[in-house]
Amino acid sequence: MREKVVGLGAGGHAKVLIEILRLNDGLELVGLLDNDPKLKDKSVMGLPVLGDDAMLPKLKANGVRRFFVGIGSVGNASRRKQIFEQALASGMDPVSSIHPSAIISPSATLGRGCMIMAGVVINAFVKVGDDVIVNTGAIVDHDCWLGDHVHIATGARLSGTVHVGHGAHVGSGAVIRNNIGIGDGAIVGVGAAVVKDVGANEVVAGVPARPLKRHL
């Protein structure tokens, strides 16, 4: 019997995850929830938008036990974290979305509800937290640690033993030198070359990356 899954969020990020999850014969995607009233009764890739997040208890009562978070994050993971924790509190379990073309070391460990896109490489002894996005073509090298709700954007490159704190965002094409720490909630800009540690909630950009500001 296939497990029933609902998507939380109906944006562009959801489309990528829907394609990945449809490759898993053990899952049945039943629909999406989104708080935008304009999306009610619409559909995304053939999946109906059933309503808003308030429907979670009803869906669970109807046998839906699994969920995925269908929104990304550009510089602020708080909304994704909120949705993830709300679904957990409702008694549902997250499903991970792992594209078959991703290469994941057998010694790497992945948390709950991870989203690993096409062409990703996750190398030896990497530890990945819950609700983490590693986007298309990104590389996470050996012994890295990614905290909960992190987003490693398309084509980013993390050298060995990089520590990325909870809720941080590493922009598309950014390169992180080995042994670097990225603080909780920090943002690394698109194409940045990070050669020094980045503080919590700090925003850095450029080559080499330099601080721009701190954000809440």
Protein backbone atom coordinates (compact mmCIF):
# COMPACT_ATOMS: atom_id res chain seq x y z
CA MET A 1 0.00 0.00 0.00
CA ARG A 2 1.39 3.39 -0.99
CA GLU A 3 1.93 6.11 1.60
CA LYS A 4 -0.13 9.25 1.12
CA VAL A 5 1.84 12.51 0.92
CA VAL A 6 0.75 16.17 0.93
CA GLY A 7 2.90 19.08 -0.21
CA LEU A 8 3.04 22.23 1.92
CA GLY A 9 3.47 25.14 -0.48
CA ALA A 10 2.61 25.38 -4.16
CA GLY A 11 5.41 27.48 -5.65
CA GLY A 12 8.14 26.70 -8.14
CA HIS A 13 10.13 24.72 -5.59
CA ALA A 14 7.18 22.35 -5.21
CA LYS A 15 7.30 21.51 -8.92
CA VAL A 16 10.83 20.15 -8.62
CA LEU A 17 9.93 18.02 -5.62
CA ILE A 18 6.77 16.70 -7.24
CA GLU A 19 8.82 15.41 -10.18
CA ILE A 20 11.30 13.71 -7.84
CA LEU A 21 8.66 12.15 -5.59
CA ARG A 22 6.68 10.82 -8.54
CA LEU A 23 9.67 8.58 -9.26
CA ASN A 24 8.96 6.75 -5.98
CA ASP A 25 6.32 4.07 -6.57
CA GLY A 26 5.71 3.75 -2.84
CA LEU A 27 4.23 7.26 -2.53
CA GLU A 28 0.87 8.70 -3.52
CA LEU A 29 0.81 12.51 -3.82
CA VAL A 30 -2.69 13.63 -2.82
CA GLY A 31 -2.41 17.40 -3.22
CA LEU A 32 -0.92 20.64 -1.95
CA LEU A 33 -1.71 23.13 0.79
CA ASP A 34 -0.97 26.84 0.43
CA ASN A 35 -2.09 29.85 2.47
CA ASP A 36 -2.59 32.01 -0.63
CA PRO A 37 -6.41 32.06 -1.14
CA LYS A 38 -5.93 32.77 -4.85
CA LEU A 39 -4.51 29.26 -5.28
CA LYS A 40 -7.49 27.44 -3.77
CA ASP A 41 -8.95 24.96 -6.27
CA LYS A 42 -6.03 25.54 -8.66
CA SER A 43 -3.60 22.78 -9.54
CA VAL A 44 0.16 22.42 -9.85
CA MET A 45 1.43 19.71 -12.19
CA GLY A 46 -1.90 17.97 -11.88
CA LEU A 47 -2.01 18.12 -8.07
CA PRO A 48 -4.94 20.07 -6.59
CA VAL A 49 -4.41 22.87 -4.10
CA LEU A 50 -6.74 21.59 -1.38
CA GLY A 51 -6.72 24.60 0.93
CA ASP A 52 -4.45 26.14 3.56
CA ASP A 53 -2.36 24.76 6.42
CA ALA A 54 -5.44 24.50 8.67
CA MET A 55 -6.37 21.35 6.72
CA LEU A 56 -3.45 19.33 8.13
CA PRO A 57 -5.46 17.66 10.96
CA LYS A 58 -8.27 16.69 8.55
CA LEU A 59 -5.82 15.21 6.07
CA LYS A 60 -4.11 13.21 8.79
CA ALA A 61 -7.51 11.87 9.91
CA ASN A 62 -8.05 10.76 6.31
CA GLY A 63 -4.86 8.71 6.24
CA VAL A 64 -2.29 11.23 4.98
CA ARG A 65 0.78 10.57 7.12
CA ARG A 66 3.65 12.12 5.16
CA PHE A 67 4.49 15.63 3.95
CA PHE A 68 7.06 17.62 2.04
CA VAL A 69 7.75 21.35 2.24
CA GLY A 70 7.19 22.85 -1.20
CA ILE A 71 8.74 26.26 -0.60
CA GLY A 72 12.37 27.24 -0.92
CA SER A 73 14.23 30.00 0.87
CA VAL A 74 16.26 32.91 -0.40
CA GLY A 75 17.87 34.44 2.64
CA ASN A 76 15.18 33.54 5.15
CA ALA A 77 14.39 29.98 6.17
CA SER A 78 11.95 30.96 8.93
CA ARG A 79 8.79 30.29 6.91
CA ARG A 80 10.01 26.88 5.78
CA LYS A 81 11.01 26.04 9.36
CA GLN A 82 7.58 27.13 10.63
CA ILE A 83 5.74 24.95 8.12
CA PHE A 84 8.00 21.97 8.82
CA GLU A 85 7.51 22.21 12.59
CA GLN A 86 3.77 22.76 12.24
CA ALA A 87 3.44 19.56 10.21
CA LEU A 88 5.54 17.63 12.73
CA ALA A 89 3.33 18.92 15.54
CA SER A 90 0.27 17.64 13.68
CA GLY A 91 1.72 14.13 13.86
CA MET A 92 2.89 13.82 10.25
CA ASP A 93 6.32 12.59 9.17
CA PRO A 94 8.43 14.33 6.51
CA VAL A 95 9.38 12.51 3.35
CA SER A 96 12.79 13.12 1.79
CA SER A 97 13.07 13.97 -1.91
CA ILE A 98 16.26 12.54 -3.39
CA HIS A 99 16.81 12.66 -7.13
CA PRO A 100 18.18 9.38 -8.52
CA SER A 101 21.07 11.19 -10.22
CA ALA A 102 22.39 12.52 -6.89
CA ILE A 103 25.55 10.85 -5.59
CA ILE A 104 25.45 10.37 -1.82
CA SER A 105 28.27 8.67 0.05
CA PRO A 106 27.20 5.63 2.09
CA SER A 107 28.96 7.19 5.08
CA ALA A 108 26.93 10.43 4.84
CA THR A 109 23.90 10.88 7.09
CA LEU A 110 20.73 12.75 6.12
CA GLY A 111 18.13 14.19 8.47
CA ARG A 112 14.38 14.16 8.04
CA GLY A 113 12.69 15.75 5.04
CA CYS A 114 15.83 16.54 3.07
CA MET A 115 15.60 17.74 -0.53
CA ILE A 116 18.54 16.55 -2.64
CA MET A 117 18.21 17.66 -6.25
CA ALA A 118 19.58 16.38 -9.56
CA GLY A 119 23.34 16.21 -9.98
CA VAL A 120 24.19 16.81 -6.32
CA VAL A 121 27.31 15.22 -4.80
CA ILE A 122 27.42 14.63 -1.06
CA ASN A 123 30.73 13.13 -0.06
CA ALA A 124 32.10 10.99 2.75
CA PHE A 125 31.01 11.57 6.37
CA VAL A 126 28.85 14.60 5.60
CA LYS A 127 26.12 15.20 8.19
CA VAL A 128 22.93 16.86 6.98
CA GLY A 129 20.23 18.13 9.33
CA ASP A 130 16.44 18.21 8.96
CA ASP A 131 14.60 20.04 6.16
CA VAL A 132 17.77 20.83 4.25
CA ILE A 133 17.79 21.77 0.55
CA VAL A 134 20.86 20.85 -1.50
CA ASN A 135 19.93 22.24 -4.87
CA THR A 136 20.76 21.21 -8.42
CA GLY A 137 24.41 20.45 -9.09
CA ALA A 138 25.74 21.50 -5.69
CA ILE A 139 28.76 19.73 -4.17
CA VAL A 140 29.18 19.13 -0.45
CA ASP A 141 32.59 17.61 0.20
CA HIS A 142 33.83 15.33 2.95
CA ASP A 143 33.13 15.92 6.65
CA CYS A 144 30.85 18.94 6.15
CA TRP A 145 28.02 19.62 8.60
CA LEU A 146 24.77 21.24 7.47
CA GLY A 147 22.37 22.39 10.17
CA ASP A 148 18.58 22.20 10.07
CA HIS A 149 16.72 24.25 7.41
CA VAL A 150 19.90 25.10 5.48
CA HIS A 151 19.66 25.87 1.76
CA ILE A 152 22.70 25.12 -0.43
CA ALA A 153 21.69 26.74 -3.72
CA THR A 154 22.29 25.62 -7.29
CA GLY A 155 25.90 24.94 -8.20
CA ALA A 156 27.41 25.93 -4.84
CA ARG A 157 30.67 24.24 -3.84
CA LEU A 158 31.53 23.41 -0.23
CA SER A 159 35.08 22.18 0.32
CA GLY A 160 35.88 19.69 3.08
CA THR A 161 34.93 20.23 6.73
CA VAL A 162 32.68 23.26 6.20
CA HIS A 163 30.18 23.91 9.00
CA VAL A 164 26.91 25.61 7.92
CA GLY A 165 24.71 26.74 10.81
CA HIS A 166 20.96 26.32 11.16
CA GLY A 167 18.87 28.28 8.65
CA ALA A 168 21.84 29.60 6.68
CA HIS A 169 21.69 30.15 2.92
CA VAL A 170 24.61 29.58 0.53
CA GLY A 171 23.87 31.27 -2.81
CA SER A 172 24.12 29.86 -6.30
CA GLY A 173 27.66 29.29 -7.50
CA ALA A 174 29.26 30.27 -4.20
CA VAL A 175 32.52 28.53 -3.23
CA ILE A 176 33.39 27.89 0.42
CA ARG A 177 37.01 27.16 1.37
CA ASN A 178 37.75 24.14 3.54
CA ASN A 179 37.40 24.41 7.33
CA ILE A 180 35.14 27.47 7.15
CA GLY A 181 32.25 28.10 9.54
CA ILE A 182 29.02 29.73 8.33
CA GLY A 183 26.95 30.99 11.28
CA ASP A 184 23.28 30.36 11.98
CA GLY A 185 21.01 32.39 9.71
CA ALA A 186 23.89 33.75 7.60
CA ILE A 187 23.59 34.49 3.89
CA VAL A 188 26.39 33.87 1.39
CA GLY A 189 25.73 35.78 -1.82
CA VAL A 190 25.60 34.41 -5.34
CA GLY A 191 29.06 33.60 -6.70
CA ALA A 192 30.87 34.54 -3.49
CA ALA A 193 34.25 33.06 -2.60
CA VAL A 194 34.30 32.55 1.18
CA VAL A 195 37.78 32.33 2.69
CA LYS A 196 36.98 33.49 6.24
CA ASP A 197 34.37 32.42 8.78
CA VAL A 198 30.95 34.08 8.47
CA GLY A 199 29.19 35.16 11.66
CA ALA A 200 25.62 34.36 12.65
CA ASN A 201 23.04 36.38 10.66
CA GLU A 202 25.82 37.99 8.63
CA VAL A 203 25.48 38.67 4.90
CA VAL A 204 28.61 38.31 2.77
CA ALA A 205 29.23 38.68 -0.95
CA GLY A 206 32.03 39.15 -3.45
CA VAL A 207 35.41 37.64 -4.30
CA PRO A 208 36.74 37.30 -1.72
CA ALA A 209 33.53 37.51 0.28
CA ARG A 210 33.17 40.52 2.57
CA PRO A 211 30.45 41.40 5.09
CA LEU A 212 27.59 43.56 3.85
CA LYS A 213 25.30 43.63 6.89
CA ARG A 214 23.63 41.56 9.53
CA HIS A 215 19.97 40.65 9.32
CA LEU A 216 17.40 39.39 11.79
